[in-house]
Amino acid sequence: MKGLRFKIKVFSVIFVSVLLLGTIGFSLTENITFHESFYLTIITISTVGYGDIHPITNTGRILAILIIFLGVGAFLGAIANFLEMMLSMREKKNRDKKINMIIGIFHQEIGTDLITFFSEYDNNTEDIRKYFSVDRIYSDQAFKLMKNKLENCNYTMIISQKLTI
């Protein structure tokens, strides 16, 4: 994602630079006003074509060719990278949604049975059970205490018989 943002910034800087250089270049080579040269630069980049004003001098025409290559390339590069970034974000969101769905299914279908099965063989179950009774007035402090107990609990499994699953 960082790489795409950097590319968008680079293409945007190139695009703005082409706009500035084209505007200044047309203003100097074609001897037209700043507004007309900006308009001419935009018309050149967009490849709409010249209907009312167009470069007259050879230098202006060469500048128009450079503006077409650089401006169109920078504009399309910025748009392509922006779209790629948007699609990447959408893809990540969909992937996260699917992972959360799989996790939810696991805990609903298999996880609860698995936790129940293993907790039958854990000697410390009774020690931590009192921290997991949730009532209506459940505070953040109680949740932090529960989390701390889970993270610091020594789980010991004593299974003396052969397991068949």
C-alpha atoms as a PDB file:
ATOM      1  CA  MET A   1       0.000   0.000   0.000  1.00  0.00           C
ATOM      2  CA  LYS A   2       2.877   2.369   0.808  1.00  0.00           C
ATOM      3  CA  GLY A   3       4.415   1.704  -2.593  1.00  0.00           C
ATOM      4  CA  LEU A   4       1.177   2.606  -4.359  1.00  0.00           C
ATOM      5  CA  ARG A   5       0.818   5.850  -2.407  1.00  0.00           C
ATOM      6  CA  PHE A   6       4.400   6.761  -3.272  1.00  0.00           C
ATOM      7  CA  LYS A   7       3.757   6.054  -6.966  1.00  0.00           C
ATOM      8  CA  ILE A   8       0.609   8.208  -6.899  1.00  0.00           C
ATOM      9  CA  LYS A   9       2.602  11.049  -5.338  1.00  0.00           C
ATOM     10  CA  VAL A  10       5.349  10.712  -7.953  1.00  0.00           C
ATOM     11  CA  PHE A  11       2.867  10.709 -10.853  1.00  0.00           C
ATOM     12  CA  SER A  12       0.993  13.645  -9.315  1.00  0.00           C
ATOM     13  CA  VAL A  13       4.202  15.666  -8.964  1.00  0.00           C
ATOM     14  CA  ILE A  14       5.107  14.878 -12.567  1.00  0.00           C
ATOM     15  CA  PHE A  15       1.602  15.855 -13.708  1.00  0.00           C
ATOM     16  CA  VAL A  16       1.651  19.192 -11.828  1.00  0.00           C
ATOM     17  CA  SER A  17       5.174  19.849 -13.125  1.00  0.00           C
ATOM     18  CA  VAL A  18       4.000  19.227 -16.697  1.00  0.00           C
ATOM     19  CA  LEU A  19       1.091  21.616 -16.111  1.00  0.00           C
ATOM     20  CA  LEU A  20       3.414  24.333 -14.824  1.00  0.00           C
ATOM     21  CA  LEU A  21       6.106  23.821 -17.444  1.00  0.00           C
ATOM     22  CA  GLY A  22       3.538  23.637 -20.234  1.00  0.00           C
ATOM     23  CA  THR A  23       1.781  26.781 -19.064  1.00  0.00           C
ATOM     24  CA  ILE A  24       5.025  28.727 -18.735  1.00  0.00           C
ATOM     25  CA  GLY A  25       6.418  27.229 -21.961  1.00  0.00           C
ATOM     26  CA  PHE A  26       3.356  28.066 -24.071  1.00  0.00           C
ATOM     27  CA  SER A  27       3.198  31.512 -22.551  1.00  0.00           C
ATOM     28  CA  LEU A  28       6.798  32.211 -23.599  1.00  0.00           C
ATOM     29  CA  THR A  29       6.918  30.416 -26.971  1.00  0.00           C
ATOM     30  CA  GLU A  30       3.479  31.353 -28.272  1.00  0.00           C
ATOM     31  CA  ASN A  31       3.374  34.836 -26.754  1.00  0.00           C
ATOM     32  CA  ILE A  32      -0.087  34.302 -25.207  1.00  0.00           C
ATOM     33  CA  THR A  33      -1.533  35.101 -21.791  1.00  0.00           C
ATOM     34  CA  PHE A  34      -1.122  32.862 -18.765  1.00  0.00           C
ATOM     35  CA  HIS A  35      -4.784  31.817 -18.902  1.00  0.00           C
ATOM     36  CA  GLU A  36      -4.593  30.936 -22.592  1.00  0.00           C
ATOM     37  CA  SER A  37      -1.386  28.964 -22.100  1.00  0.00           C
ATOM     38  CA  PHE A  38      -2.908  27.036 -19.163  1.00  0.00           C
ATOM     39  CA  TYR A  39      -5.954  26.308 -21.324  1.00  0.00           C
ATOM     40  CA  LEU A  40      -3.680  25.186 -24.165  1.00  0.00           C
ATOM     41  CA  THR A  41      -1.769  22.897 -21.761  1.00  0.00           C
ATOM     42  CA  ILE A  42      -4.982  21.308 -20.486  1.00  0.00           C
ATOM     43  CA  ILE A  43      -6.299  20.811 -24.027  1.00  0.00           C
ATOM     44  CA  THR A  44      -2.971  19.237 -25.014  1.00  0.00           C
ATOM     45  CA  ILE A  45      -2.833  16.870 -22.026  1.00  0.00           C
ATOM     46  CA  SER A  46      -6.439  15.791 -22.425  1.00  0.00           C
ATOM     47  CA  THR A  47      -5.816  15.171 -26.140  1.00  0.00           C
ATOM     48  CA  VAL A  48      -9.189  16.751 -26.890  1.00  0.00           C
ATOM     49  CA  GLY A  49      -7.713  18.593 -29.827  1.00  0.00           C
ATOM     50  CA  TYR A  50      -7.340  22.191 -30.814  1.00  0.00           C
ATOM     51  CA  GLY A  51     -10.391  24.013 -32.033  1.00  0.00           C
ATOM     52  CA  ASP A  52      -9.945  27.635 -31.083  1.00  0.00           C
ATOM     53  CA  ILE A  53      -6.244  28.111 -30.263  1.00  0.00           C
ATOM     54  CA  HIS A  54      -3.250  25.938 -31.075  1.00  0.00           C
ATOM     55  CA  PRO A  55       0.543  26.189 -31.063  1.00  0.00           C
ATOM     56  CA  ILE A  56       1.799  28.230 -33.976  1.00  0.00           C
ATOM     57  CA  THR A  57       5.581  28.125 -33.548  1.00  0.00           C
ATOM     58  CA  ASN A  58       7.728  25.045 -34.080  1.00  0.00           C
ATOM     59  CA  THR A  59       8.963  25.308 -30.480  1.00  0.00           C
ATOM     60  CA  GLY A  60       5.338  25.395 -29.287  1.00  0.00           C
ATOM     61  CA  ARG A  61       4.525  22.308 -31.326  1.00  0.00           C
ATOM     62  CA  ILE A  62       7.525  20.406 -29.920  1.00  0.00           C
ATOM     63  CA  LEU A  63       6.422  21.495 -26.438  1.00  0.00           C
ATOM     64  CA  ALA A  64       2.921  20.173 -27.216  1.00  0.00           C
ATOM     65  CA  ILE A  65       4.378  16.792 -28.194  1.00  0.00           C
ATOM     66  CA  LEU A  66       6.366  16.618 -24.943  1.00  0.00           C
ATOM     67  CA  ILE A  67       3.312  17.643 -22.949  1.00  0.00           C
ATOM     68  CA  ILE A  68       1.221  14.936 -24.603  1.00  0.00           C
ATOM     69  CA  PHE A  69       3.745  12.209 -23.761  1.00  0.00           C
ATOM     70  CA  LEU A  70       4.566  13.351 -20.247  1.00  0.00           C
ATOM     71  CA  GLY A  71       1.173  14.714 -19.249  1.00  0.00           C
ATOM     72  CA  VAL A  72      -0.941  11.844 -20.517  1.00  0.00           C
ATOM     73  CA  GLY A  73       1.531   9.313 -19.092  1.00  0.00           C
ATOM     74  CA  ALA A  74       1.589  10.982 -15.680  1.00  0.00           C
ATOM     75  CA  PHE A  75      -2.183  11.392 -15.597  1.00  0.00           C
ATOM     76  CA  LEU A  76      -2.849   7.788 -16.602  1.00  0.00           C
ATOM     77  CA  GLY A  77      -0.158   6.545 -14.190  1.00  0.00           C
ATOM     78  CA  ALA A  78      -1.733   8.417 -11.271  1.00  0.00           C
ATOM     79  CA  ILE A  79      -5.221   7.181 -12.164  1.00  0.00           C
ATOM     80  CA  ALA A  80      -4.042   3.569 -12.638  1.00  0.00           C
ATOM     81  CA  ASN A  81      -2.199   3.527  -9.309  1.00  0.00           C
ATOM     82  CA  PHE A  82      -5.120   5.165  -7.527  1.00  0.00           C
ATOM     83  CA  LEU A  83      -7.491   2.518  -8.901  1.00  0.00           C
ATOM     84  CA  GLU A  84      -5.030  -0.229  -7.969  1.00  0.00           C
ATOM     85  CA  MET A  85      -4.880   1.148  -4.419  1.00  0.00           C
ATOM     86  CA  MET A  86      -8.689   1.243  -4.197  1.00  0.00           C
ATOM     87  CA  LEU A  87      -8.967  -2.343  -5.483  1.00  0.00           C
ATOM     88  CA  SER A  88      -6.250  -3.478  -3.081  1.00  0.00           C
ATOM     89  CA  MET A  89      -8.104  -1.921  -0.145  1.00  0.00           C
ATOM     90  CA  ARG A  90     -11.340  -3.566  -1.296  1.00  0.00           C
ATOM     91  CA  GLU A  91      -9.610  -6.932  -1.684  1.00  0.00           C
ATOM     92  CA  LYS A  92      -8.083  -6.659   1.809  1.00  0.00           C
ATOM     93  CA  LYS A  93     -11.466  -5.776   3.292  1.00  0.00           C
ATOM     94  CA  ASN A  94     -13.078  -8.803   1.599  1.00  0.00           C
ATOM     95  CA  ARG A  95     -10.224 -11.080   2.716  1.00  0.00           C
ATOM     96  CA  ASP A  96     -10.540  -9.846   6.333  1.00  0.00           C
ATOM     97  CA  LYS A  97     -14.297 -10.412   6.190  1.00  0.00           C
ATOM     98  CA  LYS A  98     -13.788 -14.004   4.997  1.00  0.00           C
ATOM     99  CA  ILE A  99     -11.148 -14.683   7.662  1.00  0.00           C
ATOM    100  CA  ASN A 100     -13.460 -13.339  10.362  1.00  0.00           C
ATOM    101  CA  MET A 101     -16.238 -15.548   9.017  1.00  0.00           C
ATOM    102  CA  ILE A 102     -13.962 -18.616   9.180  1.00  0.00           C
ATOM    103  CA  ILE A 103     -12.907 -17.731  12.721  1.00  0.00           C
ATOM    104  CA  GLY A 104     -16.543 -17.280  13.724  1.00  0.00           C
ATOM    105  CA  ILE A 105     -17.538 -20.602  12.184  1.00  0.00           C
ATOM    106  CA  PHE A 106     -14.654 -22.327  13.934  1.00  0.00           C
ATOM    107  CA  HIS A 107     -15.678 -20.976  17.310  1.00  0.00           C
ATOM    108  CA  GLN A 108     -19.339 -21.790  16.753  1.00  0.00           C
ATOM    109  CA  GLU A 109     -18.944 -25.238  15.267  1.00  0.00           C
ATOM    110  CA  ILE A 110     -15.677 -26.663  16.528  1.00  0.00           C
ATOM    111  CA  GLY A 111     -14.086 -24.218  18.922  1.00  0.00           C
ATOM    112  CA  THR A 112     -16.606 -24.450  21.752  1.00  0.00           C
ATOM    113  CA  ASP A 113     -16.513 -28.260  21.727  1.00  0.00           C
ATOM    114  CA  LEU A 114     -12.718 -28.226  21.567  1.00  0.00           C
ATOM    115  CA  ILE A 115     -12.408 -25.785  24.468  1.00  0.00           C
ATOM    116  CA  THR A 116     -14.872 -27.828  26.513  1.00  0.00           C
ATOM    117  CA  PHE A 117     -12.986 -31.036  25.741  1.00  0.00           C
ATOM    118  CA  PHE A 118      -9.588 -29.655  26.736  1.00  0.00           C
ATOM    119  CA  SER A 119     -10.881 -27.810  29.782  1.00  0.00           C
ATOM    120  CA  GLU A 120     -12.006 -31.147  31.248  1.00  0.00           C
ATOM    121  CA  TYR A 121      -8.348 -32.191  31.449  1.00  0.00           C
ATOM    122  CA  ASP A 122      -6.962 -28.882  32.758  1.00  0.00           C
ATOM    123  CA  ASN A 123      -6.203 -28.725  36.489  1.00  0.00           C
ATOM    124  CA  ASN A 124      -6.392 -24.911  36.586  1.00  0.00           C
ATOM    125  CA  THR A 125      -9.889 -24.580  35.189  1.00  0.00           C
ATOM    126  CA  GLU A 126     -11.459 -23.939  38.569  1.00  0.00           C
ATOM    127  CA  ASP A 127      -8.813 -21.301  39.440  1.00  0.00           C
ATOM    128  CA  ILE A 128      -9.621 -19.109  36.446  1.00  0.00           C
ATOM    129  CA  ARG A 129     -13.342 -19.886  36.095  1.00  0.00           C
ATOM    130  CA  LYS A 130     -14.324 -17.195  38.642  1.00  0.00           C
ATOM    131  CA  TYR A 131     -12.826 -14.483  36.404  1.00  0.00           C
ATOM    132  CA  PHE A 132     -15.068 -15.412  33.487  1.00  0.00           C
ATOM    133  CA  SER A 133     -18.528 -14.967  34.918  1.00  0.00           C
ATOM    134  CA  VAL A 134     -19.954 -12.056  32.945  1.00  0.00           C
ATOM    135  CA  ASP A 135     -22.793 -10.030  34.430  1.00  0.00           C
ATOM    136  CA  ARG A 136     -24.690  -6.956  33.304  1.00  0.00           C
ATOM    137  CA  ILE A 137     -22.277  -4.546  34.961  1.00  0.00           C
ATOM    138  CA  TYR A 138     -19.119  -5.790  33.274  1.00  0.00           C
ATOM    139  CA  SER A 139     -16.376  -3.166  33.399  1.00  0.00           C
ATOM    140  CA  ASP A 140     -13.230  -2.582  31.372  1.00  0.00           C
ATOM    141  CA  GLN A 141     -11.226  -3.343  34.498  1.00  0.00           C
ATOM    142  CA  ALA A 142     -12.864  -6.780  34.809  1.00  0.00           C
ATOM    143  CA  PHE A 143     -12.108  -7.461  31.132  1.00  0.00           C
ATOM    144  CA  LYS A 144      -8.440  -6.464  31.615  1.00  0.00           C
ATOM    145  CA  LEU A 145      -8.226  -8.745  34.654  1.00  0.00           C
ATOM    146  CA  MET A 146      -9.710 -11.610  32.592  1.00  0.00           C
ATOM    147  CA  LYS A 147      -7.233 -10.985  29.784  1.00  0.00           C
ATOM    148  CA  ASN A 148      -4.314 -10.840  32.215  1.00  0.00           C
ATOM    149  CA  LYS A 149      -5.397 -14.118  33.873  1.00  0.00           C
ATOM    150  CA  LEU A 150      -5.638 -15.852  30.487  1.00  0.00           C
ATOM    151  CA  GLU A 151      -2.248 -14.624  29.350  1.00  0.00           C
ATOM    152  CA  ASN A 152      -0.510 -15.601  32.592  1.00  0.00           C
ATOM    153  CA  CYS A 153      -2.295 -18.876  33.289  1.00  0.00           C
ATOM    154  CA  ASN A 154      -0.230 -22.061  33.282  1.00  0.00           C
ATOM    155  CA  TYR A 155      -2.232 -24.582  31.365  1.00  0.00           C
ATOM    156  CA  THR A 156      -1.458 -28.146  32.340  1.00  0.00           C
ATOM    157  CA  MET A 157      -3.151 -31.015  30.660  1.00  0.00           C
ATOM    158  CA  ILE A 158      -3.241 -34.366  32.403  1.00  0.00           C
ATOM    159  CA  ILE A 159      -4.573 -36.989  30.090  1.00  0.00           C
ATOM    160  CA  SER A 160      -4.016 -40.450  31.458  1.00  0.00           C
ATOM    161  CA  GLN A 161      -6.253 -42.319  29.069  1.00  0.00           C
ATOM    162  CA  LYS A 162      -5.966 -42.804  25.331  1.00  0.00           C
ATOM    163  CA  LEU A 163      -7.800 -40.103  23.365  1.00  0.00           C
ATOM    164  CA  THR A 164     -10.198 -41.032  20.622  1.00  0.00           C
ATOM    165  CA  ILE A 165     -11.530 -38.177  18.591  1.00  0.00           C
END
